[in-house]
């Protein structure tokens, strides 16, 4: 008997069997898991669930965005003979590079000079071309704004490139309207009262938040924003960088500001008390969520965008800071 299958088995999310890594990205049929925080901030009248987006195949919530951005380019026939170009602080670029590797498509990422080494390495090992913003360029300008300008200049100067444009492309929030929001609603059986997400490209909070509010307008959607001068990878303070077109202020009920020290302290707590490998942006989101939830009760969900395993250097700094 031949060991060669007669035909492809086909994908089946119930069996966790996939013909393509992209099919593993979270959606209603295959949601990323949620887990309750049982020690950090635990109260009898409050249940805070962390939605573990690092369980996506390429390690972050941006896998969803990247899939929808690439699918749109494929539908339009815009990928033919082109290199996918994207300014990125890490996770979207990694997800785009991974999807491009699956498709056999070239990818070029323009990244801030101070991007964590772990994310630079992942981009390079996925065979993406990596271009860095100059360390001494722009004065007070945010490195991501400089990266975006560099990408636009490349796009204008050569027909080699096509840009996914995570910051302004409506496919970004649409990905979360169609997947993340419905998953949260179904996983909480419609009991979610509060939804927390950090501000970066604003796709997650705008898309998922809009879906949840359409199900129940009383749900509170709370954005977590870092203070100016922060060093929390993946999050943006809107006073020091350009505001993405995907930010929908009509969805956001309140903004909670978090500083580096709060994010570091919560990162250490989540690891030590919950064994939760939350990256810095997820730790910031939990810190802000718990402050907001003081005196409130019910079911709350916070997005954990990625794992601390993508930023071991950040954890090392946090430990050193605690031990001083």
Protein backbone atom coordinates (compact mmCIF):
# COMPACT_ATOMS: atom_id res chain seq x y z
CA UNK A 1 0.00 0.00 0.00
CA UNK A 2 1.39 3.39 -0.95
CA UNK A 3 1.99 5.90 1.84
CA UNK A 4 1.02 8.72 -0.50
CA UNK A 5 -2.46 10.10 0.24
CA UNK A 6 -4.92 9.65 -2.65
CA UNK A 7 -5.96 13.31 -2.35
CA UNK A 8 -5.31 16.25 0.00
CA UNK A 9 -7.01 15.76 3.33
CA UNK A 10 -8.26 19.35 3.32
CA UNK A 11 -8.48 21.80 6.19
CA UNK A 12 -10.67 21.15 9.21
CA UNK A 13 -10.45 23.56 12.14
CA UNK A 14 -12.25 21.06 14.40
CA UNK A 15 -9.33 18.68 13.91
CA UNK A 16 -6.76 21.49 13.95
CA UNK A 17 -5.63 20.38 10.50
CA UNK A 18 -4.68 22.97 7.90
CA UNK A 19 -3.32 22.96 4.39
CA UNK A 20 -1.80 26.43 4.83
CA UNK A 21 -0.45 28.37 7.82
CA UNK A 22 -2.65 31.33 6.92
CA UNK A 23 -5.70 29.20 7.68
CA UNK A 24 -4.58 29.01 11.32
CA UNK A 25 -5.10 32.75 11.84
CA UNK A 26 -7.93 33.44 14.28
CA UNK A 27 -11.52 33.66 13.05
CA UNK A 28 -14.98 32.68 14.27
CA UNK A 29 -14.42 29.03 13.36
CA UNK A 30 -10.98 29.01 14.95
CA UNK A 31 -10.88 31.69 17.68
CA UNK A 32 -7.79 32.55 19.66
CA UNK A 33 -8.25 31.50 23.30
CA UNK A 34 -9.27 33.64 26.24
CA UNK A 35 -8.08 32.94 29.77
CA UNK A 36 -9.24 34.46 33.05
CA UNK A 37 -6.78 36.31 35.26
CA UNK A 38 -7.17 34.46 38.54
CA UNK A 39 -4.68 36.32 40.74
CA UNK A 40 -3.89 39.68 39.14
CA UNK A 41 -6.83 41.93 39.97
CA UNK A 42 -9.14 39.01 40.80
CA UNK A 43 -12.41 39.94 42.56
CA UNK A 44 -15.65 38.08 43.19
CA UNK A 45 -17.64 40.67 41.22
CA UNK A 46 -15.21 40.94 38.29
CA UNK A 47 -13.94 38.50 35.69
CA UNK A 48 -11.15 39.83 33.50
CA UNK A 49 -10.24 37.66 30.52
CA UNK A 50 -7.06 38.02 28.48
CA UNK A 51 -7.46 37.23 24.78
CA UNK A 52 -4.21 35.56 23.79
CA UNK A 53 -3.42 36.84 20.33
CA UNK A 54 0.09 35.37 20.35
CA UNK A 55 -1.67 32.05 19.67
CA UNK A 56 -1.96 33.14 16.04
CA UNK A 57 0.60 31.26 13.91
CA UNK A 58 3.01 34.17 13.46
CA UNK A 59 2.72 35.32 17.05
CA UNK A 60 0.47 38.36 17.26
CA UNK A 61 -2.87 40.07 16.74
CA UNK A 62 -1.38 41.55 13.57
CA UNK A 63 -1.63 38.17 11.85
CA UNK A 64 -5.32 38.98 11.36
CA UNK A 65 -4.59 42.39 9.87
CA UNK A 66 -1.86 41.05 7.60
CA UNK A 67 -4.10 38.29 6.25
CA UNK A 68 -6.85 40.73 5.34
CA UNK A 69 -4.39 43.19 3.80
CA UNK A 70 -2.74 40.48 1.68
CA UNK A 71 -6.09 38.95 0.69
CA UNK A 72 -7.21 42.36 -0.57
CA UNK A 73 -4.05 42.75 -2.68
CA UNK A 74 -4.58 39.25 -4.10
CA UNK A 75 -8.21 40.02 -4.99
CA UNK A 76 -7.12 43.17 -6.80
CA UNK A 77 -4.30 41.37 -8.63
CA UNK A 78 -1.95 43.96 -7.12
CA UNK A 79 0.73 41.46 -6.03
CA UNK A 80 1.74 40.33 -9.52
CA UNK A 81 5.44 41.01 -9.97
CA UNK A 82 5.54 43.33 -6.94
CA UNK A 83 7.39 43.49 -3.64
CA UNK A 84 5.13 44.06 -0.62
CA UNK A 85 6.36 47.18 1.16
CA UNK A 86 5.38 48.16 4.69
CA UNK A 87 6.56 50.54 7.41
CA UNK A 88 6.22 48.57 10.63
CA UNK A 89 7.15 48.58 14.31
CA UNK A 90 7.35 44.79 14.21
CA UNK A 91 4.30 42.57 14.42
CA UNK A 92 2.50 43.53 11.21
CA UNK A 93 5.77 43.33 9.33
CA UNK A 94 6.51 39.89 10.75
CA UNK A 95 3.03 38.64 9.82
CA UNK A 96 3.26 40.14 6.32
CA UNK A 97 6.73 38.63 5.84
CA UNK A 98 5.46 35.23 6.94
CA UNK A 99 2.48 35.36 4.59
CA UNK A 100 4.73 36.52 1.78
CA UNK A 101 7.00 33.55 2.49
CA UNK A 102 3.99 31.23 2.24
CA UNK A 103 3.03 32.82 -1.09
CA UNK A 104 6.59 33.04 -2.42
CA UNK A 105 6.22 36.82 -2.55
CA UNK A 106 9.10 39.27 -1.83
CA UNK A 107 8.69 41.59 1.15
CA UNK A 108 10.46 44.79 2.22
CA UNK A 109 9.98 46.26 5.71
CA UNK A 110 10.96 49.75 6.82
CA UNK A 111 11.42 49.73 10.57
CA UNK A 112 12.42 52.14 13.35
CA UNK A 113 16.12 52.03 14.15
CA UNK A 114 15.26 51.17 17.77
CA UNK A 115 13.07 48.15 17.02
CA UNK A 116 13.71 45.26 19.49
CA UNK A 117 16.42 42.93 18.24
CA UNK A 118 14.12 39.91 18.45
CA UNK A 119 11.69 41.42 15.92
CA UNK A 120 14.49 42.50 13.58
CA UNK A 121 15.80 38.93 13.61
CA UNK A 122 12.38 37.45 12.86
CA UNK A 123 11.91 39.76 9.88
CA UNK A 124 15.32 38.87 8.49
CA UNK A 125 14.95 35.12 9.04
CA UNK A 126 11.63 35.27 7.14
CA UNK A 127 13.73 36.57 4.23
CA UNK A 128 12.28 40.08 4.30
CA UNK A 129 14.48 42.95 3.22
CA UNK A 130 14.82 45.25 6.24
CA UNK A 131 15.51 48.97 5.93
CA UNK A 132 16.07 51.09 9.06
CA UNK A 133 15.19 54.69 9.80
CA UNK A 134 18.31 56.79 10.52
CA UNK A 135 19.04 57.04 14.23
CA UNK A 136 19.78 60.77 13.92
CA UNK A 137 16.96 61.74 11.55
CA UNK A 138 13.84 63.76 12.21
CA UNK A 139 14.67 65.53 15.47
CA UNK A 140 11.55 65.19 17.58
CA UNK A 141 9.65 63.21 14.95
CA UNK A 142 8.50 59.71 15.85
CA UNK A 143 10.57 56.96 14.13
CA UNK A 144 7.39 55.38 12.73
CA UNK A 145 6.43 58.64 11.00
CA UNK A 146 9.88 58.68 9.43
CA UNK A 147 9.45 55.03 8.38
CA UNK A 148 6.13 55.89 6.75
CA UNK A 149 7.69 58.79 4.85
CA UNK A 150 10.49 56.52 3.64
CA UNK A 151 7.95 53.95 2.44
CA UNK A 152 5.90 56.56 0.58
CA UNK A 153 9.05 57.89 -1.13
CA UNK A 154 10.02 54.38 -2.24
CA UNK A 155 6.49 53.73 -3.48
CA UNK A 156 6.48 56.95 -5.49
CA UNK A 157 9.92 56.40 -6.97
CA UNK A 158 9.54 52.82 -8.18
CA UNK A 159 6.80 50.62 -9.59
CA UNK A 160 8.51 47.63 -7.95
CA UNK A 161 6.48 48.03 -4.76
CA UNK A 162 2.92 47.74 -3.50
CA UNK A 163 2.13 48.91 0.04
CA UNK A 164 -0.31 47.13 2.34
CA UNK A 165 -0.71 50.35 4.41
CA UNK A 166 -1.88 49.02 7.78
CA UNK A 167 -2.42 52.50 9.24
CA UNK A 168 -4.92 53.81 6.71
CA UNK A 169 -6.32 50.70 5.02
CA UNK A 170 -9.92 49.95 6.14
CA UNK A 171 -9.18 46.24 5.74
CA UNK A 172 -7.31 46.52 9.07
CA UNK A 173 -10.33 47.38 11.26
CA UNK A 174 -12.51 45.20 9.04
CA UNK A 175 -10.41 42.17 10.00
CA UNK A 176 -11.27 42.78 13.65
CA UNK A 177 -14.90 43.64 12.93
CA UNK A 178 -15.29 40.31 11.15
CA UNK A 179 -13.19 38.13 13.49
CA UNK A 180 -11.94 39.52 16.82
CA UNK A 181 -15.19 41.23 17.81
CA UNK A 182 -17.45 38.26 17.02
CA UNK A 183 -15.04 35.89 18.77
CA UNK A 184 -15.18 37.96 21.96
CA UNK A 185 -18.97 38.20 21.83
CA UNK A 186 -19.34 34.45 21.35
CA UNK A 187 -16.64 33.43 23.82
CA UNK A 188 -18.23 35.54 26.59
CA UNK A 189 -21.73 34.39 25.57
CA UNK A 190 -22.71 38.02 25.15
CA UNK A 191 -21.79 38.89 28.75
CA UNK A 192 -18.82 41.16 28.00
CA UNK A 193 -19.30 44.60 29.59
CA UNK A 194 -15.85 46.15 28.99
CA UNK A 195 -13.37 45.82 26.13
CA UNK A 196 -9.75 47.02 26.36
CA UNK A 197 -7.17 47.35 23.60
CA UNK A 198 -4.01 49.36 23.11
CA UNK A 199 -3.65 52.12 20.54
CA UNK A 200 -1.27 51.43 17.67
CA UNK A 201 -2.67 51.26 14.16
CA UNK A 202 -6.11 51.41 15.87
CA UNK A 203 -7.47 48.54 13.79
CA UNK A 204 -8.22 46.26 16.75
CA UNK A 205 -10.05 48.75 18.93
CA UNK A 206 -11.92 50.35 16.03
CA UNK A 207 -13.04 47.12 14.37
CA UNK A 208 -13.71 44.88 17.37
CA UNK A 209 -15.10 47.80 19.37
CA UNK A 210 -17.57 48.71 16.64
CA UNK A 211 -18.82 45.13 16.37
CA UNK A 212 -19.30 44.81 20.13
CA UNK A 213 -21.17 48.09 20.38
CA UNK A 214 -23.49 47.00 17.58
CA UNK A 215 -24.38 43.95 19.69
CA UNK A 216 -24.85 46.00 22.87
CA UNK A 217 -24.35 49.79 22.89
CA UNK A 218 -23.80 49.78 26.66
CA UNK A 219 -20.48 47.91 26.30
CA UNK A 220 -17.64 50.23 27.26
CA UNK A 221 -14.73 50.34 24.83
CA UNK A 222 -11.59 51.65 26.51
CA UNK A 223 -8.34 52.50 24.71
CA UNK A 224 -4.96 52.13 26.41
CA UNK A 225 -2.54 54.82 25.29
CA UNK A 226 1.07 55.27 26.45
CA UNK A 227 2.25 58.62 27.74
CA UNK A 228 4.55 60.78 25.55
CA UNK A 229 8.15 59.59 25.50
CA UNK A 230 7.21 55.99 26.30
CA UNK A 231 9.15 52.86 25.29
CA UNK A 232 6.25 50.39 25.01
CA UNK A 233 6.69 48.55 21.72
CA UNK A 234 3.62 48.41 19.49
CA UNK A 235 1.72 51.28 21.16
CA UNK A 236 1.55 54.91 20.06
CA UNK A 237 0.93 58.17 21.84
CA UNK A 238 -1.19 60.24 19.48
CA UNK A 239 0.40 63.53 20.55
CA UNK A 240 3.81 62.52 19.24
CA UNK A 241 2.91 60.74 16.01
CA UNK A 242 0.45 61.00 13.15
CA UNK A 243 -3.04 59.68 13.87
CA UNK A 244 -3.96 56.64 11.73
CA UNK A 245 -6.98 57.03 9.48
CA UNK A 246 -8.24 53.79 11.04
CA UNK A 247 -8.78 55.40 14.45
CA UNK A 248 -12.54 55.64 15.03
CA UNK A 249 -13.08 57.96 17.98
CA UNK A 250 -16.83 57.35 17.89
CA UNK A 251 -16.19 53.80 19.14
CA UNK A 252 -13.92 54.75 22.06
CA UNK A 253 -15.62 55.67 25.34
CA UNK A 254 -12.51 56.49 27.33
CA UNK A 255 -8.71 56.53 27.12
CA UNK A 256 -6.50 55.33 29.98
CA UNK A 257 -2.86 56.45 29.94
CA UNK A 258 -0.07 54.10 31.01
CA UNK A 259 3.62 54.81 31.60
CA UNK A 260 6.68 52.59 31.22
CA UNK A 261 6.95 51.80 34.92
CA UNK A 262 3.33 50.61 35.10
CA UNK A 263 3.79 48.40 32.04
CA UNK A 264 7.04 46.91 33.38
CA UNK A 265 5.55 46.21 36.79
CA UNK A 266 2.48 44.54 35.29
CA UNK A 267 4.61 42.48 32.91
CA UNK A 268 6.51 41.04 35.87
CA UNK A 269 3.27 40.37 37.78
CA UNK A 270 1.59 38.62 34.84
CA UNK A 271 4.56 36.30 34.41
CA UNK A 272 5.08 35.55 38.11
CA UNK A 273 1.44 35.33 39.23
CA UNK A 274 -0.42 34.12 36.12
CA UNK A 275 2.36 32.46 34.05
CA UNK A 276 1.04 34.72 31.28
CA UNK A 277 3.72 35.49 28.69
CA UNK A 278 2.31 38.91 27.84
CA UNK A 279 4.40 41.34 25.82
CA UNK A 280 4.86 44.93 26.92
CA UNK A 281 1.79 46.27 25.09
CA UNK A 282 -0.40 43.55 26.62
CA UNK A 283 0.98 44.29 30.08
CA UNK A 284 0.24 47.98 29.55
CA UNK A 285 -3.32 47.09 28.52
CA UNK A 286 -3.88 44.97 31.64
CA UNK A 287 -2.46 47.72 33.85
CA UNK A 288 -4.81 50.31 32.35
CA UNK A 289 -7.76 47.92 32.42
CA UNK A 290 -7.39 47.20 36.14
CA UNK A 291 -7.25 50.91 36.94
CA UNK A 292 -10.41 51.52 34.92
CA UNK A 293 -12.21 48.55 36.49
CA UNK A 294 -11.77 49.75 40.07
CA UNK A 295 -15.29 49.99 41.49
CA UNK A 296 -16.83 48.32 38.40
CA UNK A 297 -18.13 44.78 38.04
CA UNK A 298 -18.92 42.27 35.32
CA UNK A 299 -17.05 40.53 32.50
CA UNK A 300 -14.14 42.34 30.84
CA UNK A 301 -11.83 41.37 27.97
CA UNK A 302 -8.36 42.74 27.30
CA UNK A 303 -6.34 42.09 24.15
CA UNK A 304 -2.84 40.67 24.66
CA UNK A 305 -1.32 41.47 21.24
CA UNK A 306 1.84 39.36 21.45
CA UNK A 307 4.11 37.29 23.62
CA UNK A 308 7.03 38.44 25.74
CA UNK A 309 9.11 35.85 23.87
CA UNK A 310 9.34 38.44 21.08
CA UNK A 311 10.91 40.90 23.50
CA UNK A 312 13.11 39.07 26.00
CA UNK A 313 15.33 42.15 26.18
CA UNK A 314 12.35 44.12 27.53
CA UNK A 315 11.85 41.57 30.31
CA UNK A 316 15.55 41.64 31.13
CA UNK A 317 15.36 45.43 31.55
CA UNK A 318 12.23 45.09 33.70
CA UNK A 319 13.94 42.59 35.98
CA UNK A 320 17.04 44.77 36.30
CA UNK A 321 14.87 47.76 37.14
CA UNK A 322 13.08 45.80 39.89
CA UNK A 323 16.32 44.53 41.37
CA UNK A 324 17.98 47.93 41.67
